[in-house]
N, C-alpha and C. Protein backbone atom coordinates (compact mmCIF):
# COMPACT_ATOMS: atom_id res chain seq x y z
N MET A 1 -24.09 -14.16 38.86
CA MET A 1 -24.43 -15.34 38.10
C MET A 1 -23.54 -15.41 36.87
N THR A 2 -22.94 -16.55 36.65
CA THR A 2 -22.08 -16.71 35.47
C THR A 2 -22.87 -17.39 34.37
N GLU A 3 -22.64 -16.93 33.20
CA GLU A 3 -23.34 -17.49 32.04
C GLU A 3 -22.43 -18.50 31.37
N ASN A 4 -22.97 -19.66 31.13
CA ASN A 4 -22.21 -20.72 30.48
C ASN A 4 -22.32 -20.54 28.98
N ARG A 5 -21.23 -20.09 28.34
CA ARG A 5 -21.24 -19.82 26.90
C ARG A 5 -20.38 -20.84 26.17
N ARG A 6 -20.91 -21.32 25.09
CA ARG A 6 -20.13 -22.18 24.21
C ARG A 6 -19.53 -21.33 23.11
N GLU A 7 -18.27 -21.59 22.84
CA GLU A 7 -17.64 -20.90 21.71
C GLU A 7 -18.29 -21.41 20.43
N ARG A 8 -18.66 -20.51 19.56
CA ARG A 8 -19.32 -20.91 18.31
C ARG A 8 -18.33 -21.60 17.37
N VAL A 9 -18.77 -22.70 16.86
CA VAL A 9 -17.97 -23.43 15.89
C VAL A 9 -18.27 -22.83 14.53
N ARG A 10 -17.22 -22.45 13.83
CA ARG A 10 -17.40 -21.84 12.50
C ARG A 10 -16.97 -22.84 11.43
N PHE A 11 -17.85 -23.03 10.47
CA PHE A 11 -17.55 -23.90 9.34
C PHE A 11 -17.48 -23.06 8.07
N GLY A 12 -16.76 -23.55 7.09
CA GLY A 12 -16.67 -22.88 5.81
C GLY A 12 -16.45 -23.91 4.71
N VAL A 13 -16.31 -23.42 3.49
CA VAL A 13 -16.09 -24.30 2.34
C VAL A 13 -14.85 -23.81 1.60
N ALA A 14 -14.02 -24.74 1.19
CA ALA A 14 -12.82 -24.43 0.39
C ALA A 14 -12.83 -25.33 -0.83
N GLU A 15 -12.32 -24.82 -1.95
CA GLU A 15 -12.24 -25.62 -3.18
C GLU A 15 -10.79 -26.03 -3.40
N VAL A 16 -10.61 -27.28 -3.81
CA VAL A 16 -9.28 -27.84 -4.05
C VAL A 16 -8.86 -27.52 -5.48
N THR A 17 -7.65 -26.99 -5.63
CA THR A 17 -7.08 -26.80 -6.96
C THR A 17 -5.68 -27.42 -6.95
N GLY A 18 -5.34 -28.05 -8.02
CA GLY A 18 -4.02 -28.65 -8.13
C GLY A 18 -3.96 -30.09 -7.66
N PRO A 19 -2.86 -30.78 -8.00
CA PRO A 19 -2.75 -32.22 -7.75
C PRO A 19 -1.98 -32.61 -6.48
N SER A 20 -1.65 -31.68 -5.62
CA SER A 20 -0.76 -32.02 -4.50
C SER A 20 -1.35 -32.97 -3.48
N MET A 21 -2.67 -33.10 -3.42
CA MET A 21 -3.29 -33.99 -2.43
C MET A 21 -3.91 -35.24 -3.05
N VAL A 22 -3.62 -35.51 -4.33
CA VAL A 22 -4.09 -36.74 -4.98
C VAL A 22 -3.39 -37.91 -4.28
N PRO A 23 -4.03 -38.98 -3.96
CA PRO A 23 -5.37 -39.42 -4.33
C PRO A 23 -6.46 -39.02 -3.33
N THR A 24 -6.09 -38.42 -2.21
CA THR A 24 -7.08 -38.07 -1.20
C THR A 24 -8.07 -37.05 -1.70
N LEU A 25 -7.56 -36.01 -2.36
CA LEU A 25 -8.40 -34.93 -2.88
C LEU A 25 -8.08 -34.71 -4.35
N LEU A 26 -9.12 -34.41 -5.12
CA LEU A 26 -8.95 -34.17 -6.55
C LEU A 26 -9.31 -32.74 -6.90
N GLN A 27 -8.80 -32.28 -8.02
CA GLN A 27 -9.13 -30.95 -8.55
C GLN A 27 -10.64 -30.77 -8.56
N GLY A 28 -11.13 -29.68 -7.99
CA GLY A 28 -12.55 -29.39 -7.99
C GLY A 28 -13.31 -29.89 -6.77
N ASP A 29 -12.69 -30.77 -5.97
CA ASP A 29 -13.36 -31.20 -4.74
C ASP A 29 -13.59 -29.99 -3.85
N ARG A 30 -14.65 -30.04 -3.09
CA ARG A 30 -14.92 -28.99 -2.11
C ARG A 30 -14.72 -29.60 -0.73
N LEU A 31 -14.19 -28.80 0.18
CA LEU A 31 -13.96 -29.24 1.55
C LEU A 31 -14.84 -28.45 2.49
N VAL A 32 -15.47 -29.13 3.42
CA VAL A 32 -16.11 -28.46 4.54
C VAL A 32 -15.04 -28.40 5.60
N VAL A 33 -14.72 -27.18 6.04
CA VAL A 33 -13.63 -26.98 6.99
C VAL A 33 -14.16 -26.38 8.29
N ARG A 34 -13.46 -26.72 9.36
CA ARG A 34 -13.80 -26.21 10.69
C ARG A 34 -12.70 -25.24 11.12
N HIS A 35 -13.07 -23.98 11.25
CA HIS A 35 -12.11 -22.95 11.64
C HIS A 35 -11.77 -23.06 13.13
N GLY A 36 -10.51 -22.88 13.44
CA GLY A 36 -10.08 -22.86 14.83
C GLY A 36 -10.03 -24.21 15.51
N ALA A 37 -10.18 -25.30 14.75
CA ALA A 37 -10.16 -26.63 15.35
C ALA A 37 -8.73 -27.02 15.73
N LEU A 38 -8.62 -27.86 16.72
CA LEU A 38 -7.33 -28.38 17.15
C LEU A 38 -6.75 -29.25 16.03
N VAL A 39 -5.50 -29.02 15.67
CA VAL A 39 -4.84 -29.79 14.61
C VAL A 39 -4.13 -30.98 15.24
N ARG A 40 -4.31 -32.14 14.60
CA ARG A 40 -3.63 -33.36 15.04
C ARG A 40 -2.80 -33.90 13.88
N PRO A 41 -1.73 -34.63 14.17
CA PRO A 41 -0.97 -35.24 13.07
C PRO A 41 -1.89 -36.10 12.22
N GLY A 42 -1.79 -35.92 10.90
CA GLY A 42 -2.62 -36.65 9.96
C GLY A 42 -3.81 -35.87 9.45
N ASP A 43 -4.14 -34.73 10.08
CA ASP A 43 -5.27 -33.91 9.63
C ASP A 43 -4.96 -33.24 8.30
N VAL A 44 -5.99 -33.10 7.46
CA VAL A 44 -5.91 -32.27 6.26
C VAL A 44 -6.28 -30.87 6.72
N VAL A 45 -5.41 -29.90 6.43
CA VAL A 45 -5.62 -28.55 6.94
C VAL A 45 -5.55 -27.50 5.83
N VAL A 46 -6.14 -26.35 6.11
CA VAL A 46 -6.05 -25.18 5.24
C VAL A 46 -5.23 -24.15 6.00
N PHE A 47 -4.23 -23.59 5.33
CA PHE A 47 -3.37 -22.60 5.98
C PHE A 47 -2.92 -21.54 4.97
N ARG A 48 -2.45 -20.44 5.49
CA ARG A 48 -1.89 -19.39 4.64
C ARG A 48 -0.45 -19.76 4.30
N HIS A 49 -0.10 -19.60 3.03
CA HIS A 49 1.26 -19.88 2.58
C HIS A 49 2.21 -18.97 3.35
N PRO A 50 3.30 -19.51 3.89
CA PRO A 50 4.21 -18.69 4.70
C PRO A 50 4.83 -17.50 3.96
N PHE A 51 5.02 -17.61 2.63
CA PHE A 51 5.64 -16.52 1.88
C PHE A 51 4.65 -15.69 1.09
N GLN A 52 3.46 -16.20 0.82
CA GLN A 52 2.40 -15.50 0.08
C GLN A 52 1.13 -15.63 0.90
N GLN A 53 0.95 -14.79 1.88
CA GLN A 53 -0.13 -14.99 2.83
C GLN A 53 -1.52 -14.74 2.27
N ASP A 54 -1.62 -14.27 1.02
CA ASP A 54 -2.94 -14.17 0.39
C ASP A 54 -3.31 -15.48 -0.31
N LEU A 55 -2.39 -16.47 -0.31
CA LEU A 55 -2.61 -17.77 -0.94
C LEU A 55 -2.96 -18.80 0.14
N LEU A 56 -4.11 -19.47 -0.03
CA LEU A 56 -4.50 -20.53 0.90
C LEU A 56 -4.04 -21.87 0.32
N VAL A 57 -3.55 -22.74 1.20
CA VAL A 57 -2.97 -24.01 0.80
C VAL A 57 -3.67 -25.14 1.57
N VAL A 58 -3.85 -26.27 0.90
CA VAL A 58 -4.40 -27.47 1.54
C VAL A 58 -3.31 -28.54 1.53
N LYS A 59 -2.93 -29.00 2.70
CA LYS A 59 -1.92 -30.06 2.84
C LYS A 59 -2.27 -30.89 4.07
N ARG A 60 -1.47 -31.93 4.32
CA ARG A 60 -1.64 -32.77 5.49
C ARG A 60 -0.63 -32.34 6.56
N ALA A 61 -1.12 -32.14 7.78
CA ALA A 61 -0.24 -31.82 8.91
C ALA A 61 0.43 -33.13 9.34
N VAL A 62 1.73 -33.21 9.17
CA VAL A 62 2.44 -34.46 9.45
C VAL A 62 2.87 -34.53 10.91
N GLU A 63 3.52 -33.47 11.38
CA GLU A 63 3.96 -33.45 12.78
C GLU A 63 4.26 -32.03 13.21
N ARG A 64 4.19 -31.83 14.52
CA ARG A 64 4.53 -30.52 15.08
C ARG A 64 6.04 -30.50 15.28
N ARG A 65 6.65 -29.42 14.82
CA ARG A 65 8.10 -29.23 14.96
C ARG A 65 8.35 -27.86 15.56
N PRO A 66 9.58 -27.59 15.94
CA PRO A 66 9.88 -26.23 16.40
C PRO A 66 9.52 -25.23 15.30
N GLY A 67 8.73 -24.25 15.63
CA GLY A 67 8.32 -23.25 14.65
C GLY A 67 6.96 -23.50 14.04
N GLY A 68 6.34 -24.66 14.28
CA GLY A 68 5.01 -24.90 13.74
C GLY A 68 4.79 -26.31 13.25
N TRP A 69 3.90 -26.44 12.25
CA TRP A 69 3.51 -27.74 11.71
C TRP A 69 4.27 -28.04 10.43
N TRP A 70 4.72 -29.28 10.31
CA TRP A 70 5.35 -29.77 9.08
C TRP A 70 4.23 -30.24 8.18
N MET A 71 4.07 -29.64 7.00
CA MET A 71 2.97 -29.90 6.07
C MET A 71 3.48 -30.53 4.79
N LEU A 72 2.83 -31.61 4.36
CA LEU A 72 3.19 -32.28 3.12
C LEU A 72 1.93 -32.64 2.34
N GLY A 73 2.05 -32.67 1.01
CA GLY A 73 0.96 -33.14 0.17
C GLY A 73 0.97 -34.66 0.12
N ASP A 74 -0.17 -35.27 -0.18
CA ASP A 74 -0.25 -36.73 -0.25
C ASP A 74 0.36 -37.28 -1.53
N ASN A 75 0.49 -36.45 -2.56
CA ASN A 75 1.00 -36.89 -3.85
C ASN A 75 2.53 -36.78 -3.87
N PRO A 76 3.25 -37.93 -3.83
CA PRO A 76 4.70 -37.88 -3.78
C PRO A 76 5.35 -37.41 -5.08
N PHE A 77 4.58 -37.37 -6.18
CA PHE A 77 5.13 -36.98 -7.47
C PHE A 77 4.87 -35.52 -7.81
N ASN A 78 4.22 -34.81 -6.92
CA ASN A 78 3.87 -33.42 -7.17
C ASN A 78 4.91 -32.51 -6.52
N GLU A 79 5.27 -31.44 -7.18
CA GLU A 79 6.29 -30.54 -6.65
C GLU A 79 5.76 -29.11 -6.54
N THR A 80 4.54 -28.95 -5.98
CA THR A 80 3.97 -27.61 -5.87
C THR A 80 4.47 -26.86 -4.64
N GLY A 81 5.21 -27.52 -3.80
CA GLY A 81 5.74 -26.86 -2.62
C GLY A 81 5.02 -27.28 -1.36
N ASP A 82 5.80 -27.53 -0.35
CA ASP A 82 5.27 -27.90 0.96
C ASP A 82 6.35 -27.56 1.97
N SER A 83 6.33 -28.16 3.12
CA SER A 83 7.32 -27.81 4.15
C SER A 83 8.74 -28.15 3.77
N THR A 84 8.93 -29.03 2.78
CA THR A 84 10.30 -29.28 2.31
C THR A 84 10.87 -28.05 1.62
N VAL A 85 9.98 -27.14 1.17
CA VAL A 85 10.40 -25.90 0.53
C VAL A 85 10.41 -24.73 1.51
N TYR A 86 9.33 -24.57 2.28
CA TYR A 86 9.21 -23.39 3.14
C TYR A 86 9.30 -23.67 4.63
N GLY A 87 9.61 -24.89 5.01
CA GLY A 87 9.80 -25.21 6.42
C GLY A 87 8.48 -25.36 7.18
N ALA A 88 8.60 -25.39 8.49
CA ALA A 88 7.41 -25.55 9.34
C ALA A 88 6.50 -24.32 9.20
N VAL A 89 5.21 -24.57 9.20
CA VAL A 89 4.21 -23.51 9.06
C VAL A 89 3.81 -23.05 10.46
N PRO A 90 4.00 -21.77 10.78
CA PRO A 90 3.63 -21.28 12.11
C PRO A 90 2.15 -21.52 12.41
N GLU A 91 1.87 -21.85 13.67
CA GLU A 91 0.50 -22.16 14.10
C GLU A 91 -0.49 -21.07 13.74
N ASP A 92 -0.06 -19.80 13.80
CA ASP A 92 -1.01 -18.72 13.54
C ASP A 92 -1.41 -18.62 12.06
N LEU A 93 -0.73 -19.36 11.17
CA LEU A 93 -1.12 -19.38 9.75
C LEU A 93 -2.09 -20.52 9.44
N VAL A 94 -2.24 -21.45 10.38
CA VAL A 94 -3.17 -22.57 10.18
C VAL A 94 -4.58 -22.07 10.48
N LEU A 95 -5.46 -22.15 9.47
CA LEU A 95 -6.81 -21.57 9.59
C LEU A 95 -7.88 -22.58 9.96
N ALA A 96 -7.81 -23.80 9.40
CA ALA A 96 -8.92 -24.73 9.58
C ALA A 96 -8.48 -26.16 9.30
N THR A 97 -9.26 -27.10 9.82
CA THR A 97 -9.07 -28.51 9.49
C THR A 97 -10.24 -28.95 8.61
N ALA A 98 -9.97 -29.82 7.66
CA ALA A 98 -11.02 -30.32 6.77
C ALA A 98 -11.74 -31.47 7.45
N VAL A 99 -13.07 -31.44 7.41
CA VAL A 99 -13.86 -32.49 8.04
C VAL A 99 -14.63 -33.34 7.03
N LEU A 100 -14.86 -32.80 5.83
CA LEU A 100 -15.66 -33.51 4.84
C LEU A 100 -15.23 -33.12 3.44
N ARG A 101 -15.13 -34.12 2.56
CA ARG A 101 -14.82 -33.86 1.16
C ARG A 101 -16.11 -34.03 0.36
N LEU A 102 -16.40 -33.08 -0.49
CA LEU A 102 -17.58 -33.14 -1.36
C LEU A 102 -17.10 -33.18 -2.81
N ARG A 103 -17.41 -34.26 -3.50
CA ARG A 103 -17.02 -34.39 -4.89
C ARG A 103 -18.06 -33.71 -5.76
N PRO A 104 -17.63 -32.85 -6.70
CA PRO A 104 -18.62 -32.19 -7.57
C PRO A 104 -19.26 -33.20 -8.52
N ARG A 105 -20.48 -32.92 -8.92
CA ARG A 105 -21.20 -33.78 -9.85
C ARG A 105 -20.84 -33.39 -11.28
N ASP A 106 -20.57 -34.39 -12.07
CA ASP A 106 -20.28 -34.19 -13.48
C ASP A 106 -21.60 -33.83 -14.18
N PRO A 107 -21.65 -32.69 -14.89
CA PRO A 107 -22.89 -32.30 -15.57
C PRO A 107 -23.38 -33.34 -16.57
N ALA A 108 -22.48 -34.21 -17.04
CA ALA A 108 -22.88 -35.25 -17.99
C ALA A 108 -23.65 -36.38 -17.31
N GLN A 109 -23.63 -36.42 -15.99
CA GLN A 109 -24.36 -37.45 -15.25
C GLN A 109 -25.83 -37.06 -15.19
N ARG A 110 -26.57 -37.52 -16.15
CA ARG A 110 -27.97 -37.09 -16.24
C ARG A 110 -28.95 -38.20 -15.87
N SER A 111 -28.55 -39.44 -15.99
CA SER A 111 -29.48 -40.53 -15.69
C SER A 111 -29.70 -40.62 -14.18
N LEU A 112 -30.80 -41.19 -13.81
CA LEU A 112 -31.11 -41.37 -12.40
C LEU A 112 -30.06 -42.25 -11.73
N ARG A 113 -29.66 -43.29 -12.44
CA ARG A 113 -28.63 -44.20 -11.89
C ARG A 113 -27.31 -43.46 -11.63
N ALA A 114 -26.89 -42.64 -12.57
CA ALA A 114 -25.64 -41.89 -12.41
C ALA A 114 -25.75 -40.90 -11.26
N ARG A 115 -26.88 -40.23 -11.14
CA ARG A 115 -27.07 -39.26 -10.05
C ARG A 115 -27.10 -39.96 -8.70
N LEU A 116 -27.74 -41.12 -8.62
CA LEU A 116 -27.76 -41.86 -7.36
C LEU A 116 -26.37 -42.35 -6.98
N SER A 117 -25.62 -42.80 -7.97
CA SER A 117 -24.25 -43.24 -7.73
C SER A 117 -23.41 -42.10 -7.19
N TRP A 118 -23.54 -40.93 -7.80
CA TRP A 118 -22.82 -39.75 -7.33
C TRP A 118 -23.25 -39.40 -5.90
N LEU A 119 -24.54 -39.42 -5.64
CA LEU A 119 -25.06 -39.06 -4.33
C LEU A 119 -24.48 -39.94 -3.24
N LEU A 120 -24.34 -41.23 -3.53
CA LEU A 120 -23.83 -42.17 -2.53
C LEU A 120 -22.33 -42.03 -2.29
N SER A 121 -21.61 -41.43 -3.23
CA SER A 121 -20.16 -41.34 -3.08
C SER A 121 -19.64 -39.91 -2.99
N ALA A 122 -20.51 -38.93 -3.07
CA ALA A 122 -20.06 -37.53 -3.15
C ALA A 122 -19.43 -37.02 -1.86
N ALA A 123 -19.98 -37.41 -0.74
CA ALA A 123 -19.47 -36.90 0.55
C ALA A 123 -18.65 -37.98 1.23
N ARG A 124 -17.48 -37.59 1.70
CA ARG A 124 -16.61 -38.53 2.43
C ARG A 124 -15.97 -37.79 3.60
N PRO A 125 -16.13 -38.32 4.81
CA PRO A 125 -15.50 -37.67 5.96
C PRO A 125 -13.97 -37.72 5.84
N LEU A 126 -13.31 -36.69 6.29
CA LEU A 126 -11.84 -36.65 6.32
C LEU A 126 -11.42 -36.67 7.78
N ARG A 127 -10.84 -37.76 8.17
CA ARG A 127 -10.38 -37.91 9.55
C ARG A 127 -8.86 -37.87 9.56
N ALA A 128 -8.31 -37.61 10.72
CA ALA A 128 -6.85 -37.63 10.84
C ALA A 128 -6.36 -39.02 10.45
N ASP A 129 -5.42 -39.07 9.54
CA ASP A 129 -4.89 -40.33 9.05
C ASP A 129 -3.46 -40.48 9.56
N SER A 130 -3.32 -41.17 10.68
CA SER A 130 -1.99 -41.30 11.27
C SER A 130 -1.07 -42.16 10.41
N SER A 131 -1.62 -43.10 9.62
CA SER A 131 -0.76 -43.89 8.76
C SER A 131 -0.17 -43.02 7.66
N ALA A 132 -0.96 -42.06 7.14
CA ALA A 132 -0.42 -41.13 6.15
C ALA A 132 0.63 -40.25 6.78
N SER A 133 0.40 -39.85 8.02
CA SER A 133 1.36 -39.01 8.71
C SER A 133 2.70 -39.74 8.85
N ARG A 134 2.67 -41.03 9.25
CA ARG A 134 3.91 -41.81 9.37
C ARG A 134 4.57 -42.00 8.01
N ARG A 135 3.77 -42.30 6.98
CA ARG A 135 4.31 -42.54 5.65
C ARG A 135 4.96 -41.28 5.10
N LEU A 136 4.30 -40.13 5.29
CA LEU A 136 4.84 -38.87 4.78
C LEU A 136 6.09 -38.44 5.54
N ARG A 137 6.12 -38.72 6.84
CA ARG A 137 7.27 -38.33 7.64
C ARG A 137 8.54 -39.01 7.13
N ALA A 138 8.39 -40.20 6.54
CA ALA A 138 9.54 -40.94 6.02
C ALA A 138 10.12 -40.33 4.77
N ARG A 139 9.37 -39.43 4.10
CA ARG A 139 9.87 -38.82 2.86
C ARG A 139 10.98 -37.84 3.15
């Protein structure tokens, strides 16, 4: 008798630091990420930096190239480093895809109205954005 087993889906949380993904992601945003998910062009992904593998990086997967994924930040004015600096990121360094962005609540938001406003806008799904992938590929 064969047992039908589903591979367990593992989720985690990552915090965004730095401006490389503005306007999509802001400093302090939290991401719900899915480990081991299939990467598609336009996905926001978490990966190990090719030269500093203890450093986790959040960028957009633009396209698959020989050697791995071409990764770019959404902010064209930021120079924190991406595939234009370190080349294609090998598949085995890609850890997860982001599925949801959670905006932190400002502690100054104390009124009921402010808290409700935050609640309605705090979570936003992150889907593969093929238009961003095409736009970034042109850079």
